[in-house]
């Protein structure tokens, strides 16, 4: 899988909170943010699949 650089401008308070969250997990801020985005993307795709299944079979 190829990687691409994404540059973000974020508030100092947000960066401090991200650093704290990442440190609690023994991760870098970059790894924490990427993992969070991956999890959020998975959640969205999973919910879409559930919604489509409910449309197909009907809600029970």
Protein backbone atom coordinates (compact mmCIF):
# COMPACT_ATOMS: atom_id res chain seq x y z
CA UNK A 1 0.00 0.00 0.00
CA UNK A 2 1.41 3.37 -0.97
CA UNK A 3 1.43 6.18 1.52
CA UNK A 4 0.78 9.87 0.97
CA UNK A 5 1.57 12.87 3.12
CA UNK A 6 -1.32 14.83 4.62
CA UNK A 7 -0.51 18.09 6.32
CA UNK A 8 -2.94 19.50 8.87
CA UNK A 9 -3.17 22.79 10.69
CA UNK A 10 -4.76 22.23 14.10
CA UNK A 11 -5.37 24.19 17.25
CA UNK A 12 -2.70 23.96 19.98
CA UNK A 13 -5.22 22.69 22.54
CA UNK A 14 -6.33 19.93 20.21
CA UNK A 15 -2.72 18.92 19.59
CA UNK A 16 -2.12 18.75 23.35
CA UNK A 17 -5.17 16.51 23.78
CA UNK A 18 -4.03 14.29 20.90
CA UNK A 19 -0.58 14.01 22.48
CA UNK A 20 -2.14 12.96 25.78
CA UNK A 21 -4.40 10.37 24.15
CA UNK A 22 -1.49 9.01 22.12
CA UNK A 23 0.84 8.89 25.13
CA UNK A 24 -1.72 6.89 27.14
CA UNK A 25 -1.58 4.28 24.40
CA UNK A 26 2.18 4.44 23.89
CA UNK A 27 1.75 5.78 20.37
CA UNK A 28 2.94 8.74 18.37
CA UNK A 29 0.39 11.43 17.55
CA UNK A 30 0.63 10.44 13.90
CA UNK A 31 -0.10 6.78 14.64
CA UNK A 32 -2.95 7.70 16.98
CA UNK A 33 -4.61 9.97 14.41
CA UNK A 34 -4.22 7.42 11.61
CA UNK A 35 -5.63 4.63 13.79
CA UNK A 36 -8.56 6.85 14.79
CA UNK A 37 -9.31 7.68 11.15
CA UNK A 38 -9.12 4.02 10.16
CA UNK A 39 -11.50 3.05 12.97
CA UNK A 40 -13.94 5.81 12.02
CA UNK A 41 -13.82 4.78 8.35
CA UNK A 42 -14.49 1.15 9.32
CA UNK A 43 -17.43 2.21 11.51
CA UNK A 44 -18.95 4.17 8.62
CA UNK A 45 -18.52 1.31 6.16
CA UNK A 46 -19.92 -1.20 8.67
CA UNK A 47 -22.96 0.99 9.36
CA UNK A 48 -23.55 1.37 5.61
CA UNK A 49 -23.48 -2.42 5.24
CA UNK A 50 -25.96 -2.80 8.12
CA UNK A 51 -28.25 -0.18 6.57
CA UNK A 52 -28.15 -1.92 3.18
CA UNK A 53 -28.88 -5.28 4.79
CA UNK A 54 -31.84 -3.82 6.65
CA UNK A 55 -33.15 -2.31 3.40
CA UNK A 56 -32.82 -5.66 1.65
CA UNK A 57 -34.35 -7.83 4.39
CA UNK A 58 -36.49 -5.20 6.06
CA UNK A 59 -36.22 -4.14 9.65
CA UNK A 60 -37.23 -6.74 12.20
